[in-house]
Amino acid sequence: MSREGERPGLRERKKQETRIALSWAAIRLAVERGLENVRVEDIAAEARVAPRTFNNYFSSKGEAIAARHLDRARLIAQELRRRPASEPLWEAIKIAVITQLAMGASYDTRQPDQQWQTGIRLMVSEPSLQGEMLKANAIAEDELAAAIAERTGTDVARDLYPRLVAGAAGAAIRVAMDQWLRADPPVPVKPLIEDALDRLSAGLPEPGAEARP
């Protein structure tokens, strides 16, 4: 490949790295100081970029903080498109979720799980961030529904199925994440997500139903 052909990919990767750095900086500072005590200039300085660079990527502190959640969620749809066509749908969804959400994205900076957990806790507990989280979840579910529609030969605009599956999978992930945040003592997130998606795949049988006559 020519050097000219490599440049756009390198440029996009650099932009993505800057986006990630700004989002992590926003999370770290908001956790340390409280969201109301963090300025855009502080976030830019923490990420070692100019304040105007922040404005090229995000319109607010809340958007920057929610970006890590949105990016990871979007990658689930991308990973689902890469799964073998012969793989059952719910198995493919589960692997896609675990690969990109629990284990982290391939381009990620491999931040410690504790930092990601702290960031998620901030996102779900801070009232001023909840709107950004709802927006991120809606975007992510739309993209997952589109990937499901492609995989199942359905139409995301006309058929209920892809949006129902995407909505159910999104709800399962959120419930598993909430359980993870509340667990005392702490537990790994991966088994919780697997369990939640397996229950959906099985049709959500009532607990103990298999033992009834």
N, C-alpha and C. Protein backbone atom coordinates (compact mmCIF):
# COMPACT_ATOMS: atom_id res chain seq x y z
N MET A 1 0.84 -1.20 0.00
CA MET A 1 0.00 0.00 0.00
C MET A 1 0.87 1.24 0.00
N SER A 2 0.46 2.26 -0.78
CA SER A 2 1.25 3.48 -0.83
C SER A 2 1.12 4.25 0.46
N ARG A 3 2.09 5.15 0.66
CA ARG A 3 2.04 5.98 1.85
C ARG A 3 0.82 6.90 1.80
N GLU A 4 0.43 7.32 0.57
CA GLU A 4 -0.76 8.16 0.44
C GLU A 4 -1.98 7.40 0.92
N GLY A 5 -2.04 6.10 0.62
CA GLY A 5 -3.20 5.30 1.02
C GLY A 5 -3.25 5.06 2.51
N GLU A 6 -2.11 5.16 3.19
CA GLU A 6 -2.08 4.90 4.62
C GLU A 6 -2.51 6.12 5.44
N ARG A 7 -2.35 7.31 4.85
CA ARG A 7 -2.54 8.52 5.64
C ARG A 7 -3.94 8.68 6.23
N PRO A 8 -5.03 8.45 5.42
CA PRO A 8 -6.36 8.62 6.02
C PRO A 8 -6.58 7.72 7.22
N GLY A 9 -6.12 6.46 7.15
CA GLY A 9 -6.28 5.56 8.27
C GLY A 9 -5.53 6.03 9.49
N LEU A 10 -4.32 6.51 9.30
CA LEU A 10 -3.51 7.02 10.41
C LEU A 10 -4.15 8.26 11.00
N ARG A 11 -4.68 9.11 10.13
CA ARG A 11 -5.32 10.33 10.58
C ARG A 11 -6.57 10.01 11.42
N GLU A 12 -7.37 9.07 10.93
CA GLU A 12 -8.58 8.70 11.67
C GLU A 12 -8.24 8.07 13.02
N ARG A 13 -7.19 7.26 13.04
CA ARG A 13 -6.79 6.65 14.30
C ARG A 13 -6.32 7.72 15.30
N LYS A 14 -5.59 8.69 14.81
CA LYS A 14 -5.12 9.78 15.67
C LYS A 14 -6.31 10.55 16.24
N LYS A 15 -7.30 10.82 15.39
CA LYS A 15 -8.50 11.51 15.85
C LYS A 15 -9.23 10.70 16.91
N GLN A 16 -9.31 9.38 16.69
CA GLN A 16 -9.99 8.53 17.66
C GLN A 16 -9.23 8.50 18.99
N GLU A 17 -7.91 8.47 18.92
CA GLU A 17 -7.10 8.50 20.14
C GLU A 17 -7.30 9.80 20.91
N THR A 18 -7.41 10.91 20.18
CA THR A 18 -7.66 12.20 20.84
C THR A 18 -9.04 12.21 21.48
N ARG A 19 -10.03 11.68 20.79
CA ARG A 19 -11.39 11.60 21.34
C ARG A 19 -11.40 10.79 22.63
N ILE A 20 -10.71 9.64 22.61
CA ILE A 20 -10.65 8.78 23.79
C ILE A 20 -9.95 9.50 24.93
N ALA A 21 -8.83 10.15 24.62
CA ALA A 21 -8.07 10.86 25.67
C ALA A 21 -8.91 11.96 26.31
N LEU A 22 -9.66 12.68 25.52
CA LEU A 22 -10.51 13.74 26.06
C LEU A 22 -11.63 13.16 26.92
N SER A 23 -12.22 12.07 26.48
CA SER A 23 -13.30 11.46 27.25
C SER A 23 -12.80 10.93 28.58
N TRP A 24 -11.65 10.22 28.57
CA TRP A 24 -11.09 9.73 29.83
C TRP A 24 -10.69 10.88 30.75
N ALA A 25 -10.17 11.95 30.18
CA ALA A 25 -9.79 13.11 31.00
C ALA A 25 -11.03 13.70 31.67
N ALA A 26 -12.12 13.81 30.91
CA ALA A 26 -13.37 14.33 31.48
C ALA A 26 -13.87 13.44 32.60
N ILE A 27 -13.81 12.12 32.41
CA ILE A 27 -14.25 11.19 33.44
C ILE A 27 -13.40 11.31 34.70
N ARG A 28 -12.07 11.29 34.51
CA ARG A 28 -11.16 11.36 35.66
C ARG A 28 -11.39 12.62 36.48
N LEU A 29 -11.46 13.75 35.80
CA LEU A 29 -11.59 15.02 36.51
C LEU A 29 -12.95 15.15 37.18
N ALA A 30 -14.00 14.67 36.51
CA ALA A 30 -15.33 14.74 37.11
C ALA A 30 -15.42 13.87 38.35
N VAL A 31 -14.77 12.70 38.32
CA VAL A 31 -14.75 11.82 39.49
C VAL A 31 -13.98 12.47 40.63
N GLU A 32 -12.83 13.08 40.31
CA GLU A 32 -11.97 13.67 41.33
C GLU A 32 -12.54 14.94 41.94
N ARG A 33 -13.13 15.80 41.10
CA ARG A 33 -13.50 17.15 41.55
C ARG A 33 -15.01 17.38 41.65
N GLY A 34 -15.79 16.50 41.01
CA GLY A 34 -17.21 16.79 40.84
C GLY A 34 -17.43 17.47 39.51
N LEU A 35 -18.46 17.07 38.80
CA LEU A 35 -18.67 17.56 37.44
C LEU A 35 -18.76 19.08 37.37
N GLU A 36 -19.43 19.69 38.34
CA GLU A 36 -19.64 21.14 38.30
C GLU A 36 -18.33 21.91 38.49
N ASN A 37 -17.30 21.25 38.98
CA ASN A 37 -16.02 21.92 39.23
C ASN A 37 -15.00 21.69 38.11
N VAL A 38 -15.45 21.12 37.03
CA VAL A 38 -14.55 20.83 35.90
C VAL A 38 -14.93 21.73 34.72
N ARG A 39 -13.93 22.41 34.17
CA ARG A 39 -14.13 23.25 32.99
C ARG A 39 -13.59 22.54 31.75
N VAL A 40 -14.07 22.97 30.61
CA VAL A 40 -13.55 22.44 29.35
C VAL A 40 -12.04 22.64 29.27
N GLU A 41 -11.57 23.78 29.74
CA GLU A 41 -10.13 24.07 29.71
C GLU A 41 -9.36 23.05 30.55
N ASP A 42 -9.95 22.62 31.67
CA ASP A 42 -9.30 21.62 32.52
C ASP A 42 -9.17 20.29 31.80
N ILE A 43 -10.24 19.92 31.11
CA ILE A 43 -10.24 18.64 30.38
C ILE A 43 -9.19 18.68 29.27
N ALA A 44 -9.17 19.77 28.54
CA ALA A 44 -8.19 19.89 27.45
C ALA A 44 -6.76 19.83 27.99
N ALA A 45 -6.51 20.51 29.11
CA ALA A 45 -5.17 20.48 29.69
C ALA A 45 -4.80 19.07 30.15
N GLU A 46 -5.74 18.37 30.74
CA GLU A 46 -5.49 17.00 31.19
C GLU A 46 -5.15 16.08 30.02
N ALA A 47 -5.80 16.32 28.89
CA ALA A 47 -5.55 15.51 27.68
C ALA A 47 -4.40 16.06 26.84
N ARG A 48 -3.83 17.18 27.28
CA ARG A 48 -2.69 17.81 26.61
C ARG A 48 -3.03 18.26 25.19
N VAL A 49 -4.20 18.90 25.07
CA VAL A 49 -4.59 19.50 23.79
C VAL A 49 -5.12 20.91 24.08
N ALA A 50 -5.32 21.68 23.04
CA ALA A 50 -5.85 23.03 23.20
C ALA A 50 -7.35 22.98 23.45
N PRO A 51 -7.91 23.94 24.19
CA PRO A 51 -9.36 23.96 24.43
C PRO A 51 -10.17 23.91 23.15
N ARG A 52 -9.71 24.56 22.09
CA ARG A 52 -10.47 24.53 20.83
C ARG A 52 -10.55 23.11 20.26
N THR A 53 -9.55 22.28 20.59
CA THR A 53 -9.59 20.90 20.13
C THR A 53 -10.75 20.16 20.78
N PHE A 54 -10.99 20.41 22.06
CA PHE A 54 -12.14 19.81 22.73
C PHE A 54 -13.43 20.12 21.97
N ASN A 55 -13.59 21.38 21.57
CA ASN A 55 -14.81 21.80 20.89
C ASN A 55 -14.94 21.19 19.50
N ASN A 56 -13.85 20.70 18.93
CA ASN A 56 -13.92 19.99 17.65
C ASN A 56 -14.53 18.59 17.80
N TYR A 57 -14.50 18.07 19.01
CA TYR A 57 -14.97 16.71 19.26
C TYR A 57 -16.29 16.66 20.02
N PHE A 58 -16.48 17.56 20.97
CA PHE A 58 -17.64 17.49 21.85
C PHE A 58 -18.27 18.86 22.04
N SER A 59 -19.57 18.85 22.27
CA SER A 59 -20.29 20.10 22.49
C SER A 59 -20.45 20.41 23.97
N SER A 60 -20.14 19.46 24.85
CA SER A 60 -20.30 19.68 26.29
C SER A 60 -19.46 18.68 27.07
N LYS A 61 -19.30 18.96 28.37
CA LYS A 61 -18.61 18.01 29.25
C LYS A 61 -19.38 16.69 29.32
N GLY A 62 -20.71 16.79 29.39
CA GLY A 62 -21.51 15.58 29.47
C GLY A 62 -21.35 14.68 28.26
N GLU A 63 -21.32 15.27 27.09
CA GLU A 63 -21.12 14.49 25.87
C GLU A 63 -19.77 13.80 25.88
N ALA A 64 -18.74 14.50 26.37
CA ALA A 64 -17.40 13.92 26.44
C ALA A 64 -17.38 12.72 27.38
N ILE A 65 -18.05 12.84 28.52
CA ILE A 65 -18.05 11.75 29.49
C ILE A 65 -18.81 10.54 28.94
N ALA A 66 -19.95 10.79 28.31
CA ALA A 66 -20.76 9.68 27.78
C ALA A 66 -20.15 9.05 26.54
N ALA A 67 -19.15 9.70 25.94
CA ALA A 67 -18.58 9.21 24.69
C ALA A 67 -17.97 7.82 24.82
N ARG A 68 -17.34 7.52 25.96
CA ARG A 68 -16.73 6.21 26.11
C ARG A 68 -17.79 5.12 26.11
N HIS A 69 -18.91 5.39 26.78
CA HIS A 69 -20.01 4.44 26.79
C HIS A 69 -20.57 4.27 25.38
N LEU A 70 -20.78 5.38 24.67
CA LEU A 70 -21.33 5.31 23.32
C LEU A 70 -20.39 4.58 22.38
N ASP A 71 -19.11 4.87 22.44
CA ASP A 71 -18.16 4.22 21.54
C ASP A 71 -18.13 2.72 21.75
N ARG A 72 -18.09 2.29 23.00
CA ARG A 72 -18.08 0.86 23.28
C ARG A 72 -19.37 0.20 22.80
N ALA A 73 -20.51 0.87 23.03
CA ALA A 73 -21.79 0.30 22.62
C ALA A 73 -21.90 0.21 21.09
N ARG A 74 -21.41 1.22 20.39
CA ARG A 74 -21.44 1.19 18.93
C ARG A 74 -20.62 0.04 18.37
N LEU A 75 -19.53 -0.27 19.03
CA LEU A 75 -18.66 -1.34 18.55
C LEU A 75 -19.32 -2.71 18.64
N ILE A 76 -20.34 -2.83 19.46
CA ILE A 76 -21.07 -4.10 19.53
C ILE A 76 -21.70 -4.38 18.17
N ALA A 77 -22.32 -3.37 17.56
CA ALA A 77 -22.92 -3.55 16.24
C ALA A 77 -21.86 -3.90 15.21
N GLN A 78 -20.72 -3.24 15.26
CA GLN A 78 -19.65 -3.56 14.32
C GLN A 78 -19.16 -5.00 14.51
N GLU A 79 -19.01 -5.41 15.75
CA GLU A 79 -18.56 -6.77 16.02
C GLU A 79 -19.59 -7.79 15.57
N LEU A 80 -20.87 -7.48 15.75
CA LEU A 80 -21.93 -8.41 15.31
C LEU A 80 -21.85 -8.64 13.81
N ARG A 81 -21.55 -7.61 13.05
CA ARG A 81 -21.43 -7.76 11.60
C ARG A 81 -20.25 -8.66 11.23
N ARG A 82 -19.28 -8.79 12.11
CA ARG A 82 -18.11 -9.63 11.82
C ARG A 82 -18.32 -11.09 12.22
N ARG A 83 -19.37 -11.38 12.98
CA ARG A 83 -19.59 -12.75 13.43
C ARG A 83 -20.00 -13.63 12.25
N PRO A 84 -19.65 -14.94 12.27
CA PRO A 84 -20.01 -15.85 11.17
C PRO A 84 -21.53 -15.89 10.97
N ALA A 85 -21.95 -15.93 9.71
CA ALA A 85 -23.39 -15.96 9.41
C ALA A 85 -24.06 -17.21 9.97
N SER A 86 -23.29 -18.29 10.12
CA SER A 86 -23.85 -19.55 10.61
C SER A 86 -24.09 -19.55 12.13
N GLU A 87 -23.58 -18.57 12.83
CA GLU A 87 -23.70 -18.52 14.28
C GLU A 87 -25.11 -18.09 14.66
N PRO A 88 -25.76 -18.79 15.63
CA PRO A 88 -27.09 -18.36 16.06
C PRO A 88 -27.07 -16.91 16.52
N LEU A 89 -28.16 -16.20 16.26
CA LEU A 89 -28.19 -14.75 16.50
C LEU A 89 -27.83 -14.38 17.93
N TRP A 90 -28.46 -15.01 18.92
CA TRP A 90 -28.21 -14.60 20.31
C TRP A 90 -26.79 -14.96 20.75
N GLU A 91 -26.25 -16.04 20.21
CA GLU A 91 -24.86 -16.37 20.51
C GLU A 91 -23.94 -15.31 19.92
N ALA A 92 -24.24 -14.89 18.70
CA ALA A 92 -23.43 -13.86 18.05
C ALA A 92 -23.51 -12.54 18.81
N ILE A 93 -24.71 -12.19 19.27
CA ILE A 93 -24.86 -10.96 20.04
C ILE A 93 -24.06 -11.04 21.33
N LYS A 94 -24.16 -12.17 22.01
CA LYS A 94 -23.44 -12.31 23.29
C LYS A 94 -21.94 -12.18 23.08
N ILE A 95 -21.41 -12.84 22.08
CA ILE A 95 -19.97 -12.75 21.83
C ILE A 95 -19.57 -11.33 21.45
N ALA A 96 -20.41 -10.67 20.64
CA ALA A 96 -20.12 -9.29 20.25
C ALA A 96 -20.09 -8.37 21.48
N VAL A 97 -21.05 -8.55 22.37
CA VAL A 97 -21.11 -7.71 23.57
C VAL A 97 -19.90 -7.96 24.45
N ILE A 98 -19.60 -9.22 24.71
CA ILE A 98 -18.47 -9.55 25.59
C ILE A 98 -17.16 -9.05 25.00
N THR A 99 -17.00 -9.23 23.70
CA THR A 99 -15.76 -8.80 23.05
C THR A 99 -15.55 -7.31 23.18
N GLN A 100 -16.60 -6.53 22.93
CA GLN A 100 -16.41 -5.09 22.85
C GLN A 100 -16.74 -4.33 24.12
N LEU A 101 -17.61 -4.85 24.94
CA LEU A 101 -18.00 -4.13 26.15
C LEU A 101 -17.20 -4.58 27.36
N ALA A 102 -17.19 -5.88 27.61
CA ALA A 102 -16.52 -6.38 28.81
C ALA A 102 -15.01 -6.42 28.65
N MET A 103 -14.54 -6.78 27.46
CA MET A 103 -13.11 -6.93 27.27
C MET A 103 -12.46 -5.65 26.75
N GLY A 104 -13.27 -4.72 26.23
CA GLY A 104 -12.71 -3.47 25.75
C GLY A 104 -12.51 -3.49 24.26
N ALA A 105 -12.58 -2.33 23.66
CA ALA A 105 -12.43 -2.21 22.22
C ALA A 105 -10.99 -2.40 21.80
N SER A 106 -10.81 -2.83 20.54
CA SER A 106 -9.47 -3.14 20.06
C SER A 106 -8.57 -1.91 20.02
N TYR A 107 -9.14 -0.71 19.80
CA TYR A 107 -8.30 0.49 19.75
C TYR A 107 -8.20 1.15 21.11
N ASP A 108 -8.82 0.58 22.13
CA ASP A 108 -8.87 1.25 23.42
C ASP A 108 -7.48 1.35 24.03
N THR A 109 -7.38 2.24 25.03
CA THR A 109 -6.10 2.44 25.70
C THR A 109 -5.92 1.49 26.88
N ARG A 110 -6.84 0.53 26.99
CA ARG A 110 -6.75 -0.49 28.05
C ARG A 110 -6.69 0.13 29.44
N GLN A 111 -7.59 1.09 29.68
CA GLN A 111 -7.67 1.68 30.99
C GLN A 111 -8.08 0.61 32.00
N PRO A 112 -7.64 0.71 33.25
CA PRO A 112 -8.00 -0.30 34.24
C PRO A 112 -9.50 -0.41 34.41
N ASP A 113 -9.99 -1.63 34.69
CA ASP A 113 -11.42 -1.85 34.88
C ASP A 113 -11.98 -0.93 35.96
N GLN A 114 -11.20 -0.67 37.01
CA GLN A 114 -11.69 0.17 38.10
C GLN A 114 -12.02 1.57 37.59
N GLN A 115 -11.22 2.09 36.68
CA GLN A 115 -11.49 3.42 36.15
C GLN A 115 -12.76 3.41 35.32
N TRP A 116 -12.95 2.37 34.52
CA TRP A 116 -14.17 2.27 33.71
C TRP A 116 -15.39 2.12 34.61
N GLN A 117 -15.27 1.33 35.67
CA GLN A 117 -16.38 1.17 36.60
C GLN A 117 -16.73 2.50 37.27
N THR A 118 -15.71 3.23 37.67
CA THR A 118 -15.94 4.53 38.29
C THR A 118 -16.62 5.48 37.32
N GLY A 119 -16.20 5.43 36.06
CA GLY A 119 -16.81 6.27 35.04
C GLY A 119 -18.27 5.92 34.81
N ILE A 120 -18.58 4.64 34.74
CA ILE A 120 -19.97 4.21 34.56
C ILE A 120 -20.81 4.65 35.76
N ARG A 121 -20.26 4.49 36.96
CA ARG A 121 -20.99 4.90 38.16
C ARG A 121 -21.32 6.40 38.11
N LEU A 122 -20.36 7.19 37.66
CA LEU A 122 -20.58 8.62 37.51
C LEU A 122 -21.69 8.89 36.50
N MET A 123 -21.65 8.21 35.36
CA MET A 123 -22.63 8.45 34.30
C MET A 123 -24.05 8.16 34.74
N VAL A 124 -24.24 7.09 35.51
CA VAL A 124 -25.61 6.70 35.88
C VAL A 124 -26.11 7.41 37.13
N SER A 125 -25.21 8.03 37.90
CA SER A 125 -25.64 8.66 39.15
C SER A 125 -25.74 10.17 39.07
N GLU A 126 -25.09 10.78 38.11
CA GLU A 126 -25.08 12.24 37.99
C GLU A 126 -26.28 12.70 37.16
N PRO A 127 -27.26 13.40 37.76
CA PRO A 127 -28.47 13.79 37.02
C PRO A 127 -28.19 14.54 35.72
N SER A 128 -27.19 15.40 35.72
CA SER A 128 -26.91 16.19 34.53
C SER A 128 -26.33 15.36 33.38
N LEU A 129 -25.93 14.12 33.66
CA LEU A 129 -25.39 13.24 32.62
C LEU A 129 -26.41 12.24 32.11
N GLN A 130 -27.53 12.11 32.78
CA GLN A 130 -28.46 11.06 32.42
C GLN A 130 -29.07 11.26 31.04
N GLY A 131 -29.28 12.54 30.66
CA GLY A 131 -29.78 12.80 29.31
C GLY A 131 -28.80 12.35 28.25
N GLU A 132 -27.51 12.58 28.47
CA GLU A 132 -26.49 12.13 27.52
C GLU A 132 -26.45 10.61 27.44
N MET A 133 -26.64 9.95 28.58
CA MET A 133 -26.65 8.48 28.59
C MET A 133 -27.86 7.94 27.82
N LEU A 134 -29.02 8.56 28.00
CA LEU A 134 -30.21 8.13 27.26
C LEU A 134 -29.99 8.31 25.76
N LYS A 135 -29.39 9.44 25.38
CA LYS A 135 -29.10 9.68 23.98
C LYS A 135 -28.12 8.64 23.43
N ALA A 136 -27.08 8.34 24.20
CA ALA A 136 -26.10 7.35 23.77
C ALA A 136 -26.73 5.98 23.62
N ASN A 137 -27.58 5.60 24.57
CA ASN A 137 -28.24 4.29 24.51
C ASN A 137 -29.15 4.20 23.28
N ALA A 138 -29.86 5.28 22.97
CA ALA A 138 -30.75 5.27 21.81
C ALA A 138 -29.97 5.11 20.51
N ILE A 139 -28.86 5.85 20.39
CA ILE A 139 -28.02 5.73 19.19
C ILE A 139 -27.47 4.32 19.06
N ALA A 140 -26.98 3.78 20.17
CA ALA A 140 -26.39 2.44 20.15
C ALA A 140 -27.42 1.39 19.77
N GLU A 141 -28.63 1.49 20.30
CA GLU A 141 -29.66 0.51 19.98
C GLU A 141 -30.09 0.61 18.52
N ASP A 142 -30.14 1.83 17.97
CA ASP A 142 -30.46 1.98 16.55
C ASP A 142 -29.42 1.28 15.68
N GLU A 143 -28.14 1.44 16.04
CA GLU A 143 -27.09 0.82 15.24
C GLU A 143 -27.10 -0.69 15.39
N LEU A 144 -27.38 -1.18 16.61
CA LEU A 144 -27.48 -2.63 16.81
C LEU A 144 -28.67 -3.19 16.04
N ALA A 145 -29.80 -2.48 16.04
CA ALA A 145 -30.97 -2.93 15.29
C ALA A 145 -30.65 -3.03 13.80
N ALA A 146 -29.90 -2.08 13.27
CA ALA A 146 -29.52 -2.13 11.86
C ALA A 146 -28.66 -3.35 11.56
N ALA A 147 -27.73 -3.67 12.46
CA ALA A 147 -26.88 -4.85 12.27
C ALA A 147 -27.70 -6.13 12.37
N ILE A 148 -28.65 -6.17 13.29
CA ILE A 148 -29.53 -7.35 13.43
C ILE A 148 -30.39 -7.51 12.19
N ALA A 149 -30.90 -6.41 11.66
CA ALA A 149 -31.72 -6.47 10.44
C ALA A 149 -30.92 -7.04 9.27
N GLU A 150 -29.68 -6.59 9.13
CA GLU A 150 -28.84 -7.12 8.06
C GLU A 150 -28.63 -8.62 8.23
N ARG A 151 -28.42 -9.04 9.46
CA ARG A 151 -28.11 -10.45 9.73
C ARG A 151 -29.33 -11.35 9.52
N THR A 152 -30.52 -10.83 9.80
CA THR A 152 -31.73 -11.64 9.76
C THR A 152 -32.57 -11.42 8.51
N GLY A 153 -32.13 -10.53 7.63
CA GLY A 153 -32.89 -10.27 6.41
C GLY A 153 -34.19 -9.55 6.66
N THR A 154 -34.25 -8.78 7.72
CA THR A 154 -35.45 -8.01 8.03
C THR A 154 -35.22 -6.54 7.73
N ASP A 155 -36.28 -5.76 7.82
CA ASP A 155 -36.22 -4.33 7.52
C ASP A 155 -36.40 -3.56 8.82
N VAL A 156 -35.38 -2.81 9.19
CA VAL A 156 -35.42 -2.11 10.47
C VAL A 156 -36.52 -1.05 10.50
N ALA A 157 -36.95 -0.58 9.34
CA ALA A 157 -37.98 0.44 9.29
C ALA A 157 -39.38 -0.14 9.34
N ARG A 158 -39.54 -1.40 8.91
CA ARG A 158 -40.88 -1.98 8.83
C ARG A 158 -41.12 -3.13 9.80
N ASP A 159 -40.08 -3.87 10.16
CA ASP A 159 -40.24 -5.06 10.99
C ASP A 159 -39.95 -4.75 12.46
N LEU A 160 -40.74 -5.32 13.34
CA LEU A 160 -40.52 -5.15 14.77
C LEU A 160 -39.27 -5.87 15.26
N TYR A 161 -38.96 -7.01 14.63
CA TYR A 161 -37.98 -7.92 15.19
C TYR A 161 -36.62 -7.28 15.49
N PRO A 162 -35.96 -6.63 14.54
CA PRO A 162 -34.60 -6.12 14.85
C PRO A 162 -34.59 -5.11 15.98
N ARG A 163 -35.61 -4.24 16.06
CA ARG A 163 -35.64 -3.25 17.12
C ARG A 163 -36.00 -3.89 18.47
N LEU A 164 -36.87 -4.90 18.44
CA LEU A 164 -37.19 -5.62 19.67
C LEU A 164 -35.95 -6.30 20.24
N VAL A 165 -35.22 -6.99 19.38
CA VAL A 165 -34.02 -7.69 19.84
C VAL A 165 -32.98 -6.70 20.35
N ALA A 166 -32.77 -5.61 19.61
CA ALA A 166 -31.78 -4.61 20.04
C ALA A 166 -32.20 -3.98 21.36
N GLY A 167 -33.48 -3.67 21.51
CA GLY A 167 -33.96 -3.09 22.76
C GLY A 167 -33.81 -4.04 23.93
N ALA A 168 -34.14 -5.33 23.69
CA ALA A 168 -34.01 -6.33 24.75
C ALA A 168 -32.55 -6.53 25.14
N ALA A 169 -31.67 -6.60 24.14
CA ALA A 169 -30.24 -6.77 24.43
C ALA A 169 -29.70 -5.56 25.18
N GLY A 170 -30.11 -4.35 24.76
CA GLY A 170 -29.67 -3.15 25.46
C GLY A 170 -30.12 -3.13 26.91
N ALA A 171 -31.38 -3.54 27.14
CA ALA A 171 -31.89 -3.59 28.51
C ALA A 171 -31.12 -4.61 29.34
N ALA A 172 -30.82 -5.76 28.75
CA ALA A 172 -30.08 -6.79 29.47
C ALA A 172 -28.69 -6.29 29.87
N ILE A 173 -28.03 -5.59 28.96
CA ILE A 173 -26.70 -5.06 29.27
C ILE A 173 -26.79 -4.04 30.40
N ARG A 174 -27.79 -3.17 30.34
CA ARG A 174 -27.92 -2.15 31.39
C ARG A 174 -28.22 -2.78 32.75
N VAL A 175 -29.07 -3.80 32.78
CA VAL A 175 -29.37 -4.47 34.05
C VAL A 175 -28.12 -5.16 34.60
N ALA A 176 -27.37 -5.82 33.72
CA ALA A 176 -26.14 -6.49 34.15
C ALA A 176 -25.12 -5.49 34.67
N MET A 177 -25.00 -4.35 33.99
CA MET A 177 -24.06 -3.32 34.44
C MET A 177 -24.49 -2.75 35.79
N ASP A 178 -25.79 -2.55 35.97
CA ASP A 178 -26.27 -2.04 37.24
C ASP A 178 -25.97 -3.03 38.37
N GLN A 179 -26.18 -4.32 38.09
CA GLN A 179 -25.86 -5.35 39.08
C GLN A 179 -24.38 -5.33 39.42
N TRP A 180 -23.56 -5.15 38.41
CA TRP A 180 -22.10 -5.09 38.59
C TRP A 180 -21.71 -3.92 39.49
N LEU A 181 -22.34 -2.76 39.25
CA LEU A 181 -22.02 -1.58 40.05
C LEU A 181 -22.45 -1.73 41.50
N ARG A 182 -23.54 -2.47 41.73
CA ARG A 182 -24.09 -2.61 43.08
C ARG A 182 -23.47 -3.76 43.86
N ALA A 183 -22.78 -4.66 43.19
CA ALA A 183 -22.31 -5.89 43.84
C ALA A 183 -21.35 -5.59 44.99
N ASP A 184 -21.58 -6.24 46.10
CA ASP A 184 -20.72 -6.12 47.27
C ASP A 184 -20.66 -7.48 47.96
N PRO A 185 -19.51 -8.15 47.87
CA PRO A 185 -18.23 -7.72 47.28
C PRO A 185 -18.28 -7.63 45.76
N PRO A 186 -17.30 -6.96 45.15
CA PRO A 186 -17.28 -6.80 43.70
C PRO A 186 -17.25 -8.14 42.97
N VAL A 187 -17.85 -8.16 41.79
CA VAL A 187 -17.87 -9.35 40.94
C VAL A 187 -17.46 -8.94 39.53
N PRO A 188 -16.98 -9.88 38.71
CA PRO A 188 -16.65 -9.55 37.32
C PRO A 188 -17.92 -9.23 36.53
N VAL A 189 -17.81 -8.36 35.55
CA VAL A 189 -18.99 -7.99 34.77
C VAL A 189 -19.32 -9.02 33.70
N LYS A 190 -18.32 -9.73 33.18
CA LYS A 190 -18.56 -10.65 32.07
C LYS A 190 -19.60 -11.72 32.37
N PRO A 191 -19.52 -12.44 33.51
CA PRO A 191 -20.54 -13.47 33.77
C PRO A 191 -21.94 -12.89 33.91
N LEU A 192 -22.06 -11.66 34.42
CA LEU A 192 -23.37 -11.04 34.56
C LEU A 192 -23.98 -10.76 33.19
N ILE A 193 -23.18 -10.25 32.27
CA ILE A 193 -23.68 -9.98 30.93
C ILE A 193 -24.04 -11.28 30.22
N GLU A 194 -23.20 -12.28 30.35
CA GLU A 194 -23.49 -13.58 29.73
C GLU A 194 -24.79 -14.17 30.27
N ASP A 195 -24.97 -14.10 31.58
CA ASP A 195 -26.17 -14.65 32.20
C ASP A 195 -27.41 -13.91 31.70
N ALA A 196 -27.34 -12.57 31.67
CA ALA A 196 -28.50 -11.79 31.24
C ALA A 196 -28.88 -12.11 29.80
N LEU A 197 -27.90 -12.21 28.90
CA LEU A 197 -28.20 -12.50 27.50
C LEU A 197 -28.63 -13.95 27.30
N ASP A 198 -28.07 -14.87 28.07
CA ASP A 198 -28.50 -16.27 27.99
C ASP A 198 -29.96 -16.41 28.41
N ARG A 199 -30.36 -15.68 29.43
CA ARG A 199 -31.76 -15.74 29.87
C ARG A 199 -32.69 -15.21 28.80
N LEU A 200 -32.29 -14.14 28.15
CA LEU A 200 -33.09 -13.61 27.04
C LEU A 200 -33.20 -14.63 25.91
N SER A 201 -32.07 -15.22 25.57
CA SER A 201 -32.05 -16.21 24.50
C SER A 201 -32.96 -17.39 24.79
N ALA A 202 -33.07 -17.74 26.08
CA ALA A 202 -33.93 -18.86 26.49
C ALA A 202 -35.39 -18.46 26.63
N GLY A 203 -35.72 -17.20 26.40
CA GLY A 203 -37.09 -16.76 26.50
C GLY A 203 -37.48 -16.26 27.88
N LEU A 204 -36.51 -15.96 28.72
CA LEU A 204 -36.75 -15.48 30.08
C LEU A 204 -37.69 -16.39 30.87
N PRO A 205 -37.35 -17.68 31.01
CA PRO A 205 -38.18 -18.56 31.83
C PRO A 205 -38.18 -18.10 33.28
N GLU A 206 -39.29 -18.32 33.97
CA GLU A 206 -39.36 -17.96 35.39
C GLU A 206 -38.34 -18.77 36.18
N PRO A 207 -37.72 -18.16 37.19
CA PRO A 207 -36.77 -18.92 38.02
C PRO A 207 -37.43 -20.14 38.61
N GLY A 208 -36.78 -21.30 38.46
CA GLY A 208 -37.30 -22.55 38.99
C GLY A 208 -38.36 -23.20 38.14
N ALA A 209 -38.71 -22.59 36.98
CA ALA A 209 -39.78 -23.15 36.15
C ALA A 209 -39.42 -24.52 35.62
N GLU A 210 -38.10 -24.74 35.36
CA GLU A 210 -37.71 -26.04 34.78
C GLU A 210 -37.90 -27.18 35.77
N ALA A 211 -37.97 -26.84 37.06
CA ALA A 211 -38.13 -27.89 38.08
C ALA A 211 -39.59 -28.23 38.37
N ARG A 212 -40.53 -27.44 37.81
CA ARG A 212 -41.95 -27.68 38.07
C ARG A 212 -42.46 -28.86 37.26
N PRO A 213 -43.44 -29.57 37.79
CA PRO A 213 -43.99 -30.71 37.03
C PRO A 213 -44.79 -30.24 35.82
